[in-house]
């Protein structure tokens, strides 16, 4: 069980924007799967993703690339750039 303190330490899916994942894909993951944290993506399959309207092979590739950069700790956007993109 995740406590509120544990949740504070878990990286959120929104953080993947710093690693090149678009807000569109982030929002689709949050809305369609109610996932908020990166660790929740572990059970996600390509088939599950393809069942979501507006997610195709390019989106899946982008998600994989962003997760790879996240694991390597190689962001492509600064926090300031991400904040500007949300406006």
C-alpha atoms as a PDB file:
ATOM      1  CA  UNK A   1       0.000   0.000   0.000  1.00  0.00           C
ATOM      2  CA  UNK A   2       1.265   3.459  -0.879  1.00  0.00           C
ATOM      3  CA  UNK A   3       1.113   6.069   1.837  1.00  0.00           C
ATOM      4  CA  UNK A   4       1.040   9.807   1.095  1.00  0.00           C
ATOM      5  CA  UNK A   5       4.716  10.041   2.088  1.00  0.00           C
ATOM      6  CA  UNK A   6       5.632   7.231  -0.324  1.00  0.00           C
ATOM      7  CA  UNK A   7       3.713   8.947  -3.114  1.00  0.00           C
ATOM      8  CA  UNK A   8       5.858  12.058  -2.648  1.00  0.00           C
ATOM      9  CA  UNK A   9       8.966  10.000  -3.482  1.00  0.00           C
ATOM     10  CA  UNK A  10       7.498   8.333  -6.577  1.00  0.00           C
ATOM     11  CA  UNK A  11       8.266  10.027  -9.893  1.00  0.00           C
ATOM     12  CA  UNK A  12       5.106  11.112 -11.682  1.00  0.00           C
ATOM     13  CA  UNK A  13       4.288  10.487 -15.328  1.00  0.00           C
ATOM     14  CA  UNK A  14       4.231  14.271 -15.773  1.00  0.00           C
ATOM     15  CA  UNK A  15       7.991  14.281 -15.139  1.00  0.00           C
ATOM     16  CA  UNK A  16       8.432  12.435 -18.447  1.00  0.00           C
ATOM     17  CA  UNK A  17       7.797  15.738 -20.216  1.00  0.00           C
ATOM     18  CA  UNK A  18      11.356  16.699 -19.249  1.00  0.00           C
ATOM     19  CA  UNK A  19      12.472  13.580 -21.124  1.00  0.00           C
ATOM     20  CA  UNK A  20      10.612  14.385 -24.321  1.00  0.00           C
ATOM     21  CA  UNK A  21       7.142  12.888 -23.803  1.00  0.00           C
ATOM     22  CA  UNK A  22       4.383  15.166 -25.084  1.00  0.00           C
ATOM     23  CA  UNK A  23       1.663  16.526 -22.842  1.00  0.00           C
ATOM     24  CA  UNK A  24      -0.860  14.820 -25.126  1.00  0.00           C
ATOM     25  CA  UNK A  25       0.526  11.372 -24.328  1.00  0.00           C
ATOM     26  CA  UNK A  26       0.933  12.183 -20.636  1.00  0.00           C
ATOM     27  CA  UNK A  27      -2.703  13.286 -20.444  1.00  0.00           C
ATOM     28  CA  UNK A  28      -3.896  10.213 -22.355  1.00  0.00           C
ATOM     29  CA  UNK A  29      -2.061   7.909 -19.943  1.00  0.00           C
ATOM     30  CA  UNK A  30      -3.447   9.721 -16.915  1.00  0.00           C
ATOM     31  CA  UNK A  31      -7.007   9.859 -18.258  1.00  0.00           C
ATOM     32  CA  UNK A  32      -7.331   6.400 -19.829  1.00  0.00           C
ATOM     33  CA  UNK A  33      -5.417   4.343 -17.287  1.00  0.00           C
ATOM     34  CA  UNK A  34      -5.644   6.657 -14.245  1.00  0.00           C
ATOM     35  CA  UNK A  35      -1.894   6.245 -13.874  1.00  0.00           C
ATOM     36  CA  UNK A  36      -0.064   9.011 -12.056  1.00  0.00           C
ATOM     37  CA  UNK A  37       3.326   7.435 -11.413  1.00  0.00           C
ATOM     38  CA  UNK A  38       6.008   6.044 -13.690  1.00  0.00           C
ATOM     39  CA  UNK A  39       6.152   2.730 -11.807  1.00  0.00           C
ATOM     40  CA  UNK A  40       2.504   2.122 -12.721  1.00  0.00           C
ATOM     41  CA  UNK A  41       3.515   1.847 -16.396  1.00  0.00           C
ATOM     42  CA  UNK A  42       5.222  -1.522 -15.756  1.00  0.00           C
ATOM     43  CA  UNK A  43       2.152  -3.622 -16.589  1.00  0.00           C
ATOM     44  CA  UNK A  44       1.199  -1.593 -19.635  1.00  0.00           C
ATOM     45  CA  UNK A  45       1.296  -3.518 -22.922  1.00  0.00           C
ATOM     46  CA  UNK A  46       1.443  -2.326 -26.517  1.00  0.00           C
ATOM     47  CA  UNK A  47      -2.035  -3.775 -27.025  1.00  0.00           C
ATOM     48  CA  UNK A  48      -3.420  -1.753 -24.119  1.00  0.00           C
ATOM     49  CA  UNK A  49      -1.870   1.398 -25.533  1.00  0.00           C
ATOM     50  CA  UNK A  50      -3.183   0.762 -29.042  1.00  0.00           C
ATOM     51  CA  UNK A  51      -6.710   0.425 -27.643  1.00  0.00           C
ATOM     52  CA  UNK A  52      -6.572   4.108 -26.668  1.00  0.00           C
ATOM     53  CA  UNK A  53      -7.815   6.482 -29.360  1.00  0.00           C
ATOM     54  CA  UNK A  54      -5.085   8.917 -30.427  1.00  0.00           C
ATOM     55  CA  UNK A  55      -2.237   6.583 -29.406  1.00  0.00           C
ATOM     56  CA  UNK A  56      -0.447   4.888 -32.263  1.00  0.00           C
ATOM     57  CA  UNK A  57       2.974   3.421 -32.992  1.00  0.00           C
ATOM     58  CA  UNK A  58       4.620   6.864 -32.933  1.00  0.00           C
ATOM     59  CA  UNK A  59       3.240   7.593 -29.467  1.00  0.00           C
ATOM     60  CA  UNK A  60       4.419   4.219 -28.208  1.00  0.00           C
ATOM     61  CA  UNK A  61       7.898   4.861 -29.613  1.00  0.00           C
ATOM     62  CA  UNK A  62       7.943   8.299 -27.977  1.00  0.00           C
ATOM     63  CA  UNK A  63       6.938   6.778 -24.619  1.00  0.00           C
ATOM     64  CA  UNK A  64       9.710   4.178 -24.859  1.00  0.00           C
ATOM     65  CA  UNK A  65      12.295   6.798 -25.767  1.00  0.00           C
ATOM     66  CA  UNK A  66      11.230   9.082 -22.912  1.00  0.00           C
ATOM     67  CA  UNK A  67      11.399   6.188 -20.434  1.00  0.00           C
ATOM     68  CA  UNK A  68      14.860   5.291 -21.721  1.00  0.00           C
ATOM     69  CA  UNK A  69      16.085   8.872 -21.257  1.00  0.00           C
ATOM     70  CA  UNK A  70      14.468   8.936 -17.792  1.00  0.00           C
ATOM     71  CA  UNK A  71      16.320   5.764 -16.783  1.00  0.00           C
ATOM     72  CA  UNK A  72      19.569   7.287 -18.064  1.00  0.00           C
ATOM     73  CA  UNK A  73      18.748  10.618 -16.358  1.00  0.00           C
ATOM     74  CA  UNK A  74      19.168  12.532 -19.637  1.00  0.00           C
ATOM     75  CA  UNK A  75      16.416  15.170 -19.821  1.00  0.00           C
ATOM     76  CA  UNK A  76      15.850  16.982 -23.093  1.00  0.00           C
ATOM     77  CA  UNK A  77      13.779  19.856 -21.642  1.00  0.00           C
ATOM     78  CA  UNK A  78      14.388  22.060 -18.628  1.00  0.00           C
ATOM     79  CA  UNK A  79      11.704  22.555 -16.004  1.00  0.00           C
ATOM     80  CA  UNK A  80      11.249  26.103 -17.301  1.00  0.00           C
ATOM     81  CA  UNK A  81      10.657  24.844 -20.852  1.00  0.00           C
ATOM     82  CA  UNK A  82       8.079  22.365 -19.558  1.00  0.00           C
ATOM     83  CA  UNK A  83       6.281  25.119 -17.662  1.00  0.00           C
ATOM     84  CA  UNK A  84       6.126  27.230 -20.833  1.00  0.00           C
ATOM     85  CA  UNK A  85       4.712  24.271 -22.804  1.00  0.00           C
ATOM     86  CA  UNK A  86       1.855  23.913 -20.324  1.00  0.00           C
ATOM     87  CA  UNK A  87       0.699  27.488 -20.886  1.00  0.00           C
END
